[in-house]
Amino acid sequence: MGHVGVLGRERRRRWSDAEKISVLERVGVNGRTVTDVAREADLTRQHIYQWRQEMRRKGL
């Protein structure tokens, strides 16, 4: 039987407001959907929706 290793916890990526806005601005460009942009950025659709709400609350 082969060796099975246990990997450490994967680190979460921290996104600045500027990075979040950059991702959000891509939605709708050339017909790209939230799903398309989320896939390109290796995010879930829920991240996009949460970020949209967050930026609205911050007035950005």
N, C-alpha and C. Protein backbone atom coordinates (compact mmCIF):
# COMPACT_ATOMS: atom_id res chain seq x y z
N MET A 1 0.84 -1.18 0.00
CA MET A 1 0.00 0.00 0.00
C MET A 1 0.89 1.24 0.00
N GLY A 2 0.50 2.27 -0.74
CA GLY A 2 1.30 3.48 -0.86
C GLY A 2 1.24 4.35 0.37
N HIS A 3 2.16 5.27 0.44
CA HIS A 3 2.25 6.22 1.56
C HIS A 3 1.22 7.34 1.36
N VAL A 4 0.49 7.63 2.39
CA VAL A 4 -0.49 8.71 2.35
C VAL A 4 -0.03 9.80 3.29
N GLY A 5 0.24 10.98 2.74
CA GLY A 5 0.69 12.10 3.57
C GLY A 5 -0.47 13.01 3.92
N VAL A 6 -0.33 13.69 5.02
CA VAL A 6 -1.33 14.65 5.44
C VAL A 6 -0.77 16.03 5.17
N LEU A 7 -1.50 16.78 4.38
CA LEU A 7 -1.05 18.12 4.05
C LEU A 7 -1.52 19.11 5.11
N GLY A 8 -0.77 20.17 5.29
CA GLY A 8 -1.16 21.21 6.23
C GLY A 8 -2.37 21.97 5.73
N ARG A 9 -2.89 22.81 6.57
CA ARG A 9 -4.04 23.62 6.21
C ARG A 9 -3.68 24.57 5.08
N GLU A 10 -4.57 24.66 4.13
CA GLU A 10 -4.35 25.57 3.02
C GLU A 10 -4.58 27.00 3.51
N ARG A 11 -3.70 27.89 3.15
CA ARG A 11 -3.85 29.29 3.56
C ARG A 11 -4.91 29.97 2.71
N ARG A 12 -5.68 30.81 3.35
CA ARG A 12 -6.70 31.56 2.63
C ARG A 12 -6.07 32.80 2.04
N ARG A 13 -6.54 33.14 0.88
CA ARG A 13 -6.07 34.35 0.20
C ARG A 13 -6.79 35.54 0.78
N ARG A 14 -6.07 36.58 1.07
CA ARG A 14 -6.67 37.84 1.55
C ARG A 14 -6.73 38.80 0.37
N TRP A 15 -7.88 39.35 0.13
CA TRP A 15 -8.10 40.25 -1.00
C TRP A 15 -8.27 41.67 -0.48
N SER A 16 -7.55 42.62 -1.05
CA SER A 16 -7.71 44.03 -0.70
C SER A 16 -9.00 44.54 -1.35
N ASP A 17 -9.48 45.69 -0.88
CA ASP A 17 -10.67 46.29 -1.49
C ASP A 17 -10.44 46.54 -2.97
N ALA A 18 -9.24 47.01 -3.33
CA ALA A 18 -8.93 47.29 -4.74
C ALA A 18 -9.00 46.02 -5.58
N GLU A 19 -8.51 44.91 -5.04
CA GLU A 19 -8.56 43.64 -5.77
C GLU A 19 -10.00 43.16 -5.92
N LYS A 20 -10.79 43.33 -4.86
CA LYS A 20 -12.20 42.92 -4.92
C LYS A 20 -12.94 43.74 -5.97
N ILE A 21 -12.71 45.05 -5.98
CA ILE A 21 -13.36 45.92 -6.95
C ILE A 21 -12.96 45.52 -8.36
N SER A 22 -11.69 45.21 -8.56
CA SER A 22 -11.21 44.79 -9.87
C SER A 22 -11.95 43.54 -10.35
N VAL A 23 -12.16 42.60 -9.46
CA VAL A 23 -12.90 41.38 -9.81
C VAL A 23 -14.36 41.73 -10.11
N LEU A 24 -14.98 42.55 -9.25
CA LEU A 24 -16.38 42.91 -9.43
C LEU A 24 -16.62 43.65 -10.74
N GLU A 25 -15.67 44.46 -11.16
CA GLU A 25 -15.81 45.23 -12.40
C GLU A 25 -15.81 44.34 -13.63
N ARG A 26 -15.31 43.13 -13.52
CA ARG A 26 -15.26 42.21 -14.67
C ARG A 26 -16.61 41.58 -14.98
N VAL A 27 -17.53 41.60 -14.00
CA VAL A 27 -18.86 41.03 -14.23
C VAL A 27 -19.60 41.91 -15.24
N GLY A 28 -20.13 41.28 -16.27
CA GLY A 28 -20.89 42.01 -17.29
C GLY A 28 -20.05 42.45 -18.48
N VAL A 29 -18.73 42.47 -18.33
CA VAL A 29 -17.86 42.87 -19.44
C VAL A 29 -17.83 41.73 -20.45
N ASN A 30 -18.12 42.06 -21.70
CA ASN A 30 -18.17 41.06 -22.78
C ASN A 30 -19.10 39.90 -22.43
N GLY A 31 -20.17 40.21 -21.71
CA GLY A 31 -21.18 39.20 -21.39
C GLY A 31 -20.79 38.22 -20.30
N ARG A 32 -19.71 38.52 -19.57
CA ARG A 32 -19.27 37.58 -18.52
C ARG A 32 -20.22 37.64 -17.34
N THR A 33 -20.58 36.48 -16.85
CA THR A 33 -21.50 36.36 -15.72
C THR A 33 -20.71 36.26 -14.42
N VAL A 34 -21.44 36.34 -13.31
CA VAL A 34 -20.82 36.15 -12.00
C VAL A 34 -20.14 34.79 -11.96
N THR A 35 -20.79 33.79 -12.50
CA THR A 35 -20.21 32.44 -12.53
C THR A 35 -18.90 32.42 -13.30
N ASP A 36 -18.87 33.08 -14.47
CA ASP A 36 -17.64 33.14 -15.28
C ASP A 36 -16.50 33.79 -14.51
N VAL A 37 -16.79 34.95 -13.92
CA VAL A 37 -15.75 35.70 -13.21
C VAL A 37 -15.28 34.93 -11.98
N ALA A 38 -16.21 34.33 -11.26
CA ALA A 38 -15.83 33.54 -10.08
C ALA A 38 -14.90 32.40 -10.47
N ARG A 39 -15.23 31.73 -11.55
CA ARG A 39 -14.40 30.61 -12.02
C ARG A 39 -13.00 31.12 -12.40
N GLU A 40 -12.93 32.24 -13.13
CA GLU A 40 -11.65 32.81 -13.55
C GLU A 40 -10.78 33.20 -12.36
N ALA A 41 -11.42 33.70 -11.30
CA ALA A 41 -10.69 34.18 -10.13
C ALA A 41 -10.52 33.10 -9.06
N ASP A 42 -10.98 31.89 -9.35
CA ASP A 42 -10.92 30.77 -8.41
C ASP A 42 -11.66 31.11 -7.10
N LEU A 43 -12.87 31.62 -7.27
CA LEU A 43 -13.74 32.00 -6.16
C LEU A 43 -15.08 31.28 -6.31
N THR A 44 -15.90 31.40 -5.29
CA THR A 44 -17.28 30.94 -5.42
C THR A 44 -18.14 32.13 -5.83
N ARG A 45 -19.30 31.84 -6.40
CA ARG A 45 -20.22 32.93 -6.74
C ARG A 45 -20.59 33.71 -5.49
N GLN A 46 -20.71 33.00 -4.37
CA GLN A 46 -21.09 33.65 -3.11
C GLN A 46 -20.08 34.72 -2.72
N HIS A 47 -18.78 34.48 -2.98
CA HIS A 47 -17.77 35.51 -2.70
C HIS A 47 -18.11 36.80 -3.45
N ILE A 48 -18.44 36.66 -4.73
CA ILE A 48 -18.74 37.83 -5.56
C ILE A 48 -19.93 38.59 -4.97
N TYR A 49 -20.99 37.88 -4.62
CA TYR A 49 -22.18 38.53 -4.06
C TYR A 49 -21.88 39.18 -2.71
N GLN A 50 -21.10 38.52 -1.88
CA GLN A 50 -20.73 39.10 -0.58
C GLN A 50 -19.88 40.35 -0.77
N TRP A 51 -18.92 40.27 -1.69
CA TRP A 51 -18.07 41.43 -1.94
C TRP A 51 -18.89 42.60 -2.47
N ARG A 52 -19.86 42.32 -3.32
CA ARG A 52 -20.71 43.38 -3.88
C ARG A 52 -21.44 44.09 -2.73
N GLN A 53 -22.00 43.32 -1.81
CA GLN A 53 -22.69 43.91 -0.65
C GLN A 53 -21.71 44.70 0.21
N GLU A 54 -20.54 44.14 0.44
CA GLU A 54 -19.52 44.79 1.27
C GLU A 54 -19.11 46.13 0.68
N MET A 55 -18.88 46.18 -0.62
CA MET A 55 -18.45 47.42 -1.26
C MET A 55 -19.57 48.46 -1.23
N ARG A 56 -20.82 48.02 -1.37
CA ARG A 56 -21.95 48.96 -1.27
C ARG A 56 -22.02 49.56 0.12
N ARG A 57 -21.84 48.71 1.15
CA ARG A 57 -21.86 49.21 2.54
C ARG A 57 -20.76 50.23 2.78
N LYS A 58 -19.60 49.99 2.18
CA LYS A 58 -18.46 50.90 2.34
C LYS A 58 -18.57 52.13 1.45
N GLY A 59 -19.54 52.13 0.54
CA GLY A 59 -19.72 53.26 -0.36
C GLY A 59 -18.70 53.28 -1.49
N LEU A 60 -18.15 52.13 -1.82
CA LEU A 60 -17.16 52.04 -2.90
C LEU A 60 -17.78 51.55 -4.19
